Protein backbone atom coordinates (compact mmCIF):
# COMPACT_ATOMS: atom_id res chain seq x y z
CA MET A 1 269.71 260.14 71.63
CA ALA A 2 266.29 261.69 71.05
CA VAL A 3 265.38 263.34 67.75
CA PRO A 4 263.01 266.27 67.05
CA GLY A 5 259.36 265.32 66.60
CA PHE A 6 259.24 266.02 62.87
CA LEU A 7 262.00 263.44 62.33
CA ALA A 8 260.49 260.73 64.54
CA ARG A 9 259.63 257.33 63.09
CA ASP A 10 255.97 257.51 64.16
CA ARG A 11 255.53 260.70 62.10
CA ILE A 12 256.38 258.96 58.82
CA VAL A 13 254.24 255.81 58.97
CA ALA A 14 252.59 255.48 55.55
CA LYS A 15 248.82 255.75 55.28
CA PRO A 16 246.77 253.02 53.59
CA GLY A 17 247.16 253.09 49.81
CA PHE A 18 250.66 254.59 49.85
CA ASN A 19 252.64 253.65 46.74
CA ARG A 20 255.77 251.80 47.86
CA TRP A 21 257.54 252.65 44.57
CA LEU A 22 258.03 256.17 45.92
CA ILE A 23 260.58 254.79 48.39
CA PRO A 24 263.41 253.90 45.94
CA PRO A 25 263.56 257.51 44.60
CA ALA A 26 263.91 258.75 48.19
CA ALA A 27 266.81 256.35 48.73
CA LEU A 28 268.38 257.31 45.39
CA ALA A 29 268.25 261.00 46.33
CA VAL A 30 270.67 260.17 49.15
CA HIS A 31 272.84 257.54 47.48
CA LEU A 32 273.42 259.51 44.27
CA CYS A 33 274.75 262.36 46.42
CA ILE A 34 277.08 260.38 48.67
CA GLY A 35 278.27 258.37 45.66
CA GLN A 36 280.35 261.46 44.84
CA VAL A 37 283.09 259.86 46.94
CA TYR A 38 284.01 257.81 43.85
CA ALA A 39 284.73 261.03 41.90
CA THR A 40 287.62 262.34 44.00
CA SER A 41 290.10 261.74 41.16
CA VAL A 42 288.65 264.74 39.29
CA TYR A 43 290.29 267.26 41.63
CA LYS A 44 293.10 265.15 43.13
CA SER A 45 295.84 266.71 40.96
CA ALA A 46 294.56 270.19 41.76
CA LEU A 47 294.85 269.51 45.50
CA VAL A 48 298.35 268.06 45.08
CA ALA A 49 299.44 271.24 43.33
CA ASP A 50 297.61 273.59 45.70
CA PHE A 51 299.00 272.00 48.88
CA ASP A 52 302.37 271.21 47.24
CA SER A 53 301.88 267.71 48.60
CA SER A 54 302.07 264.09 47.43
CA LEU A 55 299.44 261.86 45.88
CA THR A 56 299.64 259.67 48.97
CA ALA A 57 298.83 262.57 51.30
CA ILE A 58 295.90 263.71 49.13
CA GLY A 59 294.74 260.13 48.57
CA ALA A 60 294.46 259.79 52.34
CA ILE A 61 291.38 262.03 52.17
CA PHE A 62 289.48 259.24 50.38
CA SER A 63 290.87 256.52 52.65
CA ILE A 64 289.85 258.41 55.81
CA ALA A 65 286.33 258.90 54.43
CA ILE A 66 285.93 255.18 53.66
CA VAL A 67 287.30 254.09 57.05
CA VAL A 68 284.99 256.52 58.88
CA LEU A 69 282.10 255.35 56.67
CA GLY A 70 282.44 251.80 57.99
CA LEU A 71 283.00 252.86 61.59
CA SER A 72 280.09 255.31 61.67
CA ALA A 73 277.76 252.77 60.03
CA ALA A 74 278.71 250.30 62.77
CA VAL A 75 278.40 252.80 65.65
CA PHE A 76 275.16 254.48 64.52
CA GLY A 77 273.44 251.45 62.96
CA THR A 78 271.23 250.72 65.97
CA TRP A 79 270.37 254.43 66.31
CA VAL A 80 269.31 254.48 62.63
CA ASP A 81 267.05 251.44 63.09
CA ARG A 82 265.50 252.84 66.25
CA ASN A 83 264.79 256.38 64.99
CA GLY A 84 263.92 255.61 61.39
CA PRO A 85 265.10 256.68 57.93
CA ARG A 86 264.03 260.33 58.01
CA ALA A 87 266.15 261.12 61.06
CA ALA A 88 269.05 259.19 59.53
CA MET A 89 268.81 260.90 56.12
CA PHE A 90 268.51 264.32 57.73
CA THR A 91 271.58 263.68 59.90
CA ALA A 92 273.54 262.27 56.96
CA ALA A 93 272.73 265.34 54.86
CA CYS A 94 273.97 267.68 57.60
CA PHE A 95 277.26 265.84 58.08
CA TRP A 96 277.89 265.31 54.34
CA SER A 97 277.23 268.97 53.52
CA ALA A 98 279.23 270.21 56.50
CA GLY A 99 282.13 268.01 55.39
CA PHE A 100 282.32 269.83 52.05
CA LEU A 101 282.10 273.26 53.66
CA VAL A 102 284.81 272.54 56.24
CA ALA A 103 287.03 271.04 53.53
CA ALA A 104 286.48 274.16 51.40
CA LEU A 105 287.67 276.26 54.33
CA GLY A 106 290.75 274.06 54.62
CA ILE A 107 291.56 274.52 50.93
CA SER A 108 291.04 278.28 51.11
CA THR A 109 293.33 278.62 54.14
CA ASN A 110 295.82 275.99 52.93
CA GLN A 111 295.19 273.77 55.98
CA LEU A 112 295.21 270.13 54.81
CA TRP A 113 294.16 268.87 58.25
CA LEU A 114 290.87 270.72 57.83
CA VAL A 115 290.26 268.81 54.59
CA TYR A 116 290.94 265.57 56.45
CA LEU A 117 288.54 266.66 59.20
CA GLY A 118 285.90 267.94 56.78
CA TYR A 119 285.65 265.56 53.86
CA GLY A 120 287.33 262.67 55.67
CA VAL A 121 285.75 262.65 59.14
CA LEU A 122 282.55 264.71 58.95
CA GLY A 123 281.87 263.63 55.38
CA GLY A 124 282.70 260.03 56.30
CA ILE A 125 280.09 260.10 59.07
CA GLY A 126 277.56 261.39 56.55
CA LEU A 127 278.58 258.60 54.18
CA GLY A 128 278.13 255.87 56.78
CA ILE A 129 274.76 257.04 58.11
CA GLY A 130 273.50 257.91 54.63
CA TYR A 131 274.55 254.58 53.14
CA ILE A 132 272.58 252.47 55.64
CA SER A 133 269.69 254.91 56.20
CA PRO A 134 267.22 253.44 53.64
CA VAL A 135 268.29 249.78 53.75
CA SER A 136 265.99 248.29 56.40
CA THR A 137 263.10 250.47 55.18
CA LEU A 138 263.45 249.19 51.62
CA ILE A 139 263.57 245.60 52.80
CA LYS A 140 260.38 246.08 54.82
CA TRP A 141 258.61 247.69 51.85
CA PHE A 142 259.76 244.92 49.49
CA PRO A 143 259.74 241.66 51.49
CA ASP A 144 258.85 239.85 48.28
CA ARG A 145 261.86 241.29 46.36
CA PRO A 146 264.53 242.47 48.82
CA GLY A 147 267.37 242.06 46.32
CA LEU A 148 265.62 244.26 43.77
CA ALA A 149 264.84 246.88 46.41
CA THR A 150 268.33 247.24 47.83
CA GLY A 151 269.82 247.04 44.34
CA MET A 152 267.78 250.03 43.20
CA ALA A 153 269.08 252.19 46.03
CA ILE A 154 272.68 251.06 46.28
CA MET A 155 272.91 251.32 42.49
CA GLY A 156 272.80 255.06 43.10
CA PHE A 157 275.96 254.97 45.19
CA GLY A 158 277.84 253.30 42.34
CA GLY A 159 276.42 255.77 39.83
CA GLY A 160 277.01 258.92 41.87
CA ALA A 161 280.36 259.48 40.19
CA LEU A 162 278.73 259.46 36.75
CA ILE A 163 276.96 262.66 37.74
CA ALA A 164 279.62 264.15 39.99
CA SER A 165 282.57 263.75 37.60
CA PRO A 166 281.25 265.77 34.62
CA LEU A 167 279.50 268.23 36.93
CA SER A 168 282.74 268.82 38.85
CA ARG A 169 284.71 269.42 35.64
CA GLN A 170 282.13 271.93 34.43
CA LEU A 171 282.12 273.78 37.75
CA LEU A 172 285.92 273.83 37.95
CA SER A 173 286.13 275.32 34.45
CA LEU A 174 283.50 277.89 35.48
CA TYR A 175 285.46 278.91 38.59
CA ASP A 176 288.88 278.85 36.87
CA ASP A 177 289.23 280.29 33.35
CA GLY A 178 292.57 278.53 32.90
CA TYR A 179 291.11 275.06 33.41
CA ASP A 180 289.41 273.27 30.53
CA GLY A 181 289.21 269.71 31.84
CA THR A 182 292.01 268.30 29.71
CA ALA A 183 295.05 266.45 30.99
CA GLY A 184 297.28 269.47 30.37
CA THR A 185 295.49 271.82 32.74
CA THR A 186 295.05 271.82 36.51
CA ALA A 187 292.37 273.74 38.37
CA SER A 188 293.37 276.22 41.07
CA GLY A 189 292.79 275.60 44.76
CA GLY A 190 290.24 278.41 44.82
CA ALA A 191 288.25 276.67 42.10
CA VAL A 192 288.21 273.42 44.09
CA ALA A 193 287.08 275.34 47.20
CA GLY A 194 284.26 276.87 45.15
CA LEU A 195 283.37 273.41 43.84
CA PHE A 196 283.17 272.03 47.38
CA VAL A 197 280.88 274.85 48.55
CA THR A 198 278.59 274.34 45.55
CA LEU A 199 278.43 270.56 45.95
CA GLY A 200 277.85 270.84 49.68
CA LEU A 201 274.81 273.07 49.20
CA VAL A 202 273.39 271.17 46.20
CA TYR A 203 273.71 267.81 47.93
CA LEU A 204 272.08 269.23 51.06
CA VAL A 205 268.95 270.13 49.06
CA PHE A 206 268.66 266.76 47.30
CA MET A 207 269.28 264.70 50.44
CA MET A 208 266.71 266.73 52.37
CA PHE A 209 264.24 266.00 49.56
CA GLY A 210 264.83 262.29 50.09
CA ALA A 211 264.31 262.70 53.84
CA ALA A 212 261.05 264.57 53.25
CA ILE A 213 259.39 261.89 51.07
CA ILE A 214 260.60 258.75 52.87
CA ARG A 215 257.97 256.67 54.68
CA VAL A 216 257.94 253.44 56.71
CA PRO A 217 255.21 250.78 56.42
CA ALA A 218 252.73 250.11 59.20
CA ASP A 219 253.57 247.11 61.37
CA ASP A 220 250.75 245.00 59.92
CA TRP A 221 251.26 246.01 56.29
CA ARG A 222 251.95 243.41 53.61
CA PRO A 223 252.31 243.73 49.81
CA ASP A 224 249.34 242.55 47.82
CA GLY A 225 249.56 238.79 47.33
CA PHE A 226 252.57 238.32 49.60
CA ASP A 227 252.44 235.30 51.91
CA PRO A 228 255.03 235.56 54.73
CA SER A 229 254.78 231.82 55.37
CA ALA A 230 256.16 231.16 51.88
CA VAL A 231 259.42 232.89 52.80
CA LYS A 232 260.24 230.21 55.34
CA GLN A 233 260.26 227.59 52.59
CA LYS A 234 263.36 229.12 50.97
CA ALA A 235 266.79 227.91 51.99
CA LEU A 236 268.62 230.16 54.50
CA VAL A 237 265.62 232.51 54.77
CA THR A 238 264.12 233.05 58.23
CA THR A 239 260.94 234.71 59.44
CA ALA A 240 262.45 235.05 62.92
CA SER A 241 264.56 238.02 64.06
CA VAL A 242 268.05 238.44 65.50
CA SER A 243 269.24 241.58 67.27
CA ALA A 244 272.39 243.38 66.17
CA GLY A 245 274.03 242.53 69.48
CA ASN A 246 273.40 238.82 69.00
CA ALA A 247 274.16 238.82 65.28
CA ILE A 248 277.83 239.65 65.81
CA LYS A 249 278.11 236.62 68.11
CA THR A 250 277.12 234.22 65.34
CA PRO A 251 279.56 232.55 62.91
CA GLN A 252 277.26 233.59 60.04
CA PHE A 253 278.02 237.27 60.64
CA TRP A 254 281.78 236.74 60.53
CA LEU A 255 281.54 234.47 57.51
CA LEU A 256 279.66 237.21 55.66
CA TRP A 257 282.18 239.78 56.94
CA THR A 258 284.91 237.68 55.31
CA VAL A 259 282.89 237.29 52.11
CA LEU A 260 282.36 241.05 51.79
CA PHE A 261 285.96 241.87 52.68
CA CYS A 262 287.36 239.50 50.05
CA ASN A 263 284.94 240.62 47.31
CA VAL A 264 285.49 244.34 47.98
CA THR A 265 289.28 244.09 48.30
CA ALA A 266 289.46 242.33 44.94
CA GLY A 267 287.27 244.98 43.30
CA ILE A 268 289.24 247.87 44.76
CA GLY A 269 292.35 246.17 43.38
CA ILE A 270 291.16 247.20 39.92
CA LEU A 271 289.36 250.44 40.76
CA GLU A 272 292.40 251.87 42.56
CA GLN A 273 294.61 251.53 39.47
CA ALA A 274 292.02 251.50 36.67
CA SER A 275 293.37 254.32 34.50
CA PRO A 276 297.13 253.55 34.70
CA MET A 277 296.44 249.81 34.70
CA ILE A 278 294.99 249.67 31.20
CA GLN A 279 297.82 251.88 29.91
CA ASP A 280 300.47 249.70 31.56
CA PHE A 281 298.92 246.48 30.26
CA PHE A 282 299.32 247.72 26.69
CA ARG A 283 302.54 249.64 27.00
CA ASP A 284 304.64 249.46 23.84
CA GLY A 285 308.23 250.01 24.90
CA ALA A 286 308.48 253.39 26.61
CA THR A 287 305.04 254.52 25.45
CA SER A 288 301.50 253.37 26.07
CA ALA A 289 299.32 252.04 23.28
CA VAL A 290 296.26 253.31 25.15
CA SER A 291 295.81 257.07 25.32
CA ALA A 292 294.94 258.99 28.46
CA ALA A 293 291.55 259.83 26.94
CA ALA A 294 290.82 256.15 26.27
CA ALA A 295 291.93 255.28 29.80
CA GLY A 296 289.48 257.88 31.11
CA GLY A 297 286.74 256.27 29.03
CA PHE A 298 287.66 252.93 30.56
CA VAL A 299 287.19 254.36 34.05
CA GLY A 300 283.76 255.64 33.01
CA LEU A 301 282.84 252.23 31.64
CA LEU A 302 283.82 250.62 34.93
CA SER A 303 281.54 253.07 36.73
CA LEU A 304 278.65 252.00 34.51
CA PHE A 305 279.27 248.32 35.21
CA ASN A 306 279.69 249.07 38.91
CA MET A 307 276.29 250.73 38.91
CA ALA A 308 274.55 248.19 36.67
CA GLY A 309 275.94 245.25 38.63
CA ARG A 310 274.37 246.58 41.81
CA PHE A 311 270.92 246.37 40.23
CA VAL A 312 271.19 243.39 37.85
CA TRP A 313 273.03 240.93 40.10
CA SER A 314 271.14 241.91 43.25
CA SER A 315 267.82 241.42 41.44
CA THR A 316 269.06 238.06 40.14
CA SER A 317 269.70 236.99 43.74
CA ASP A 318 265.92 237.07 44.33
CA VAL A 319 265.72 234.18 41.84
CA ILE A 320 268.81 232.05 42.55
CA GLY A 321 269.31 232.99 46.20
CA ARG A 322 271.90 235.07 47.99
CA LYS A 323 274.33 232.19 48.60
CA GLY A 324 274.11 231.22 44.94
CA ILE A 325 274.85 234.70 43.63
CA TYR A 326 277.90 235.02 45.89
CA MET A 327 279.19 231.74 44.48
CA VAL A 328 279.06 233.53 41.12
CA TYR A 329 280.72 236.71 42.42
CA LEU A 330 283.56 234.83 44.09
CA GLY A 331 283.89 231.64 42.01
CA LEU A 332 283.52 233.14 38.54
CA GLY A 333 285.34 236.25 39.73
CA LEU A 334 288.28 234.08 40.70
CA VAL A 335 288.43 232.60 37.20
CA LEU A 336 288.16 236.05 35.59
CA TYR A 337 291.03 237.35 37.72
CA VAL A 338 293.21 234.44 36.59
CA LEU A 339 292.36 235.24 32.96
CA LEU A 340 293.09 238.93 33.55
CA ALA A 341 296.52 238.09 34.99
CA THR A 342 297.48 235.58 32.29
CA ALA A 343 295.68 236.63 29.10
CA GLY A 344 294.42 240.14 29.80
CA SER A 345 297.26 241.82 27.94
CA SER A 346 296.61 239.90 24.71
CA ALA A 347 293.84 242.23 23.51
CA VAL A 348 292.33 245.48 24.72
CA TRP A 349 288.76 244.24 24.25
CA LEU A 350 289.47 241.17 26.40
CA PHE A 351 291.04 243.25 29.17
CA VAL A 352 288.10 245.66 29.20
CA LEU A 353 285.53 242.85 29.19
CA LEU A 354 287.18 240.97 32.05
CA ALA A 355 287.65 244.09 34.18
CA ALA A 356 284.09 245.28 33.56
CA VAL A 357 282.50 241.99 34.64
CA ILE A 358 284.75 241.82 37.72
CA ILE A 359 283.66 245.33 38.72
CA SER A 360 280.00 244.41 38.16
CA PHE A 361 280.53 241.64 40.74
CA TYR A 362 282.12 244.20 43.07
CA GLY A 363 279.03 246.41 42.83
CA GLY A 364 276.66 243.47 43.03
CA GLY A 365 278.30 242.30 46.24
CA PHE A 366 277.50 245.61 47.94
CA ALA A 367 273.87 245.59 46.80
CA THR A 368 273.19 241.95 47.68
CA ILE A 369 274.65 241.87 51.19
CA PRO A 370 271.69 243.66 52.89
CA ALA A 371 269.27 241.06 51.47
CA TYR A 372 271.63 238.26 52.55
CA LEU A 373 271.58 239.70 56.09
CA ARG A 374 267.79 239.94 55.99
CA ASP A 375 267.56 236.28 54.95
CA LEU A 376 269.74 235.12 57.85
CA PHE A 377 268.84 237.57 60.63
CA GLY A 378 265.37 238.90 59.77
CA THR A 379 264.24 242.51 59.51
CA TYR A 380 264.29 243.47 63.21
CA GLN A 381 267.65 245.29 63.26
CA VAL A 382 268.95 244.53 59.78
CA GLY A 383 270.10 248.14 59.30
CA ALA A 384 272.26 247.99 62.42
CA ILE A 385 273.66 244.59 61.43
CA HIS A 386 274.43 245.95 57.97
CA GLY A 387 276.22 248.90 59.53
CA ARG A 388 278.46 246.65 61.58
CA LEU A 389 279.20 244.46 58.59
CA LEU A 390 280.39 247.52 56.64
CA THR A 391 283.52 247.58 58.78
CA ALA A 392 284.64 244.98 56.22
CA TRP A 393 284.48 247.77 53.63
CA SER A 394 286.66 249.98 55.83
CA ALA A 395 289.23 247.20 56.12
CA ALA A 396 289.09 246.48 52.39
CA GLY A 397 289.45 250.19 51.59
CA VAL A 398 292.82 250.09 53.34
CA ALA A 399 293.93 246.57 52.32
CA GLY A 400 293.14 246.81 48.60
CA PRO A 401 295.28 249.86 47.80
CA LEU A 402 298.04 248.65 50.14
CA ILE A 403 298.27 245.28 48.37
CA VAL A 404 298.27 246.67 44.84
CA ASN A 405 300.45 249.73 45.47
CA GLY A 406 302.82 247.75 47.69
CA VAL A 407 303.40 245.14 44.99
CA LEU A 408 303.77 247.74 42.23
CA ASP A 409 306.28 249.71 44.29
CA THR A 410 308.55 246.63 44.26
CA GLN A 411 308.17 246.10 40.52
CA GLY A 412 309.25 249.42 39.05
CA THR A 413 308.52 253.09 38.53
CA PRO A 414 304.98 254.37 37.85
CA GLY A 415 304.65 255.19 34.16
CA GLU A 416 307.12 252.45 33.20
CA LEU A 417 305.22 249.41 34.47
CA VAL A 418 303.95 246.63 32.17
CA ALA A 419 301.34 243.89 32.44
CA GLY A 420 303.67 241.39 34.08
CA ASP A 421 304.31 243.78 36.98
CA TYR A 422 300.66 243.44 38.04
CA ARG A 423 300.63 239.64 38.04
CA ILE A 424 301.61 239.13 41.70
CA ALA A 425 298.95 241.58 42.92
CA LEU A 426 296.28 239.96 40.74
CA PHE A 427 297.08 236.49 42.02
CA ILE A 428 296.86 237.77 45.60
CA MET A 429 293.33 238.87 44.71
CA VAL A 430 292.66 235.37 43.35
CA GLY A 431 293.66 233.95 46.73
CA LEU A 432 291.35 236.36 48.55
CA LEU A 433 288.42 235.41 46.33
CA ALA A 434 289.12 231.74 47.06
CA VAL A 435 288.95 232.45 50.79
CA GLY A 436 285.67 234.30 50.32
CA PHE A 437 284.25 231.46 48.21
CA VAL A 438 284.94 228.95 50.99
CA ALA A 439 283.47 231.28 53.63
CA ASN A 440 280.27 231.61 51.59
CA LEU A 441 280.01 227.81 51.26
CA LEU A 442 280.13 227.51 55.05
CA VAL A 443 277.09 229.77 55.64
CA ARG A 444 274.22 227.92 57.33
CA PRO A 445 270.92 229.05 58.92
CA VAL A 446 271.32 230.91 62.22
CA ASP A 447 270.74 228.76 65.30
CA SER A 448 267.35 229.42 66.94
CA LYS A 449 269.04 230.23 70.25
CA TRP A 450 269.90 233.66 68.81
CA HIS A 451 266.30 234.47 67.78
CA GLU A 452 264.39 237.20 69.55
CA LYS A 453 261.43 235.80 71.49
CA SER A 454 259.21 238.87 71.35
CA THR A 455 259.93 240.43 67.94
CA GLY A 456 259.63 237.54 65.53
CA THR A 457 257.31 237.90 62.56
CA THR A 458 253.73 236.91 63.27
CA ALA A 459 250.85 236.37 60.91
CA THR A 460 248.84 239.56 60.65
CA PRO A 461 246.03 240.62 58.31
CA GLU A 462 246.85 242.74 55.32
CA ARG A 463 246.14 246.40 55.86
CA SER A 464 246.61 247.78 52.38
CA ALA A 465 247.91 246.64 49.05
CA ALA A 466 251.00 248.11 47.41
CA ARG A 467 250.71 249.27 43.87
């Protein structure tokens, strides 16, 4: 599918002397916007009341968006790599903004299927294309520090809710005089529709800004002082290239798919129930020892650790290696989950600490996986390979809530649950992390039979130095 000339890859090749540190802000402009998907809880109750529906039916909006995210990333990954980041960011902005506007129409006309179509399907396509749009470009600009580069961008996705949540509450209170953001008030459907229109237009502007400033490096460009031959000396790191079509035929791809699925499912196990979970763990008889306000603060803290983990742990992987950092995510995460299940209810500070570190591993896993793919498969079609691997996120987005909610449904009534009722679900997560840990141990270099013969990295003279 051809793109207009102003979006073409050859129109955005950086000139000599271009500062590569301008690329992370371009990626953040997109990821901070699409990270709003983590802030859907702000208006969930309002939609339940407006549509006179159930939490399950409204929660399906988020699930559809995450499933479509993975599917669209897989389907359009090769197109993104071929046409470049500007075309991808532009397309993502159009779909993401259109999703909000169509959903707003659905709310205004009381048609829930339009919300599913808008935010879920159209918005989900924008999410998928937008999520992978800067990945291969960042890796090519930062071949010396790919973990740092992808961590900077994907950190924005984890932090998008930190901006969207308070902004949404302020806008809802502006559009509805009876809503003040407290637990005792619920915004009207009209206010949520107004919120969606506002967010759709604001996000369109910011994402188009990212598309305007993004650039790709020239084919013969190298960072100052970077020696491509030194990369080959690192374990599991290749200077060859593997196409997306061949990558999915390798055992390494499916091992990493399993690793990501297990890590994400375990993280969603906490994120899905974060607010009620901390209240249930410290329930005193019929009442909770943790207030709703404190539970909301806990959710905000998890968002911070989710965001910070994407940058800190991904950057650390540049030092200890991608396989090593996933041994931490999955091995130490396994131990922390056992402690959460057995000792987490003994003290609030211990529960919060354990949950926060687990969520930092969840975020770190997302940010590190593109660099892991680059190590194994090269830079040739790493964006497309990443897109196909994100189907693991789609599967985890369904499996995580099903596991936790399914177990809790057998244990008692929401609002009356206690710490022990979560134990089975938490130990299921322990088992998943163990499976992921073994899968990561089995990762080996990709067999040379899958390498591209005409697109491998060759020694070329430096054209310009990055600042």
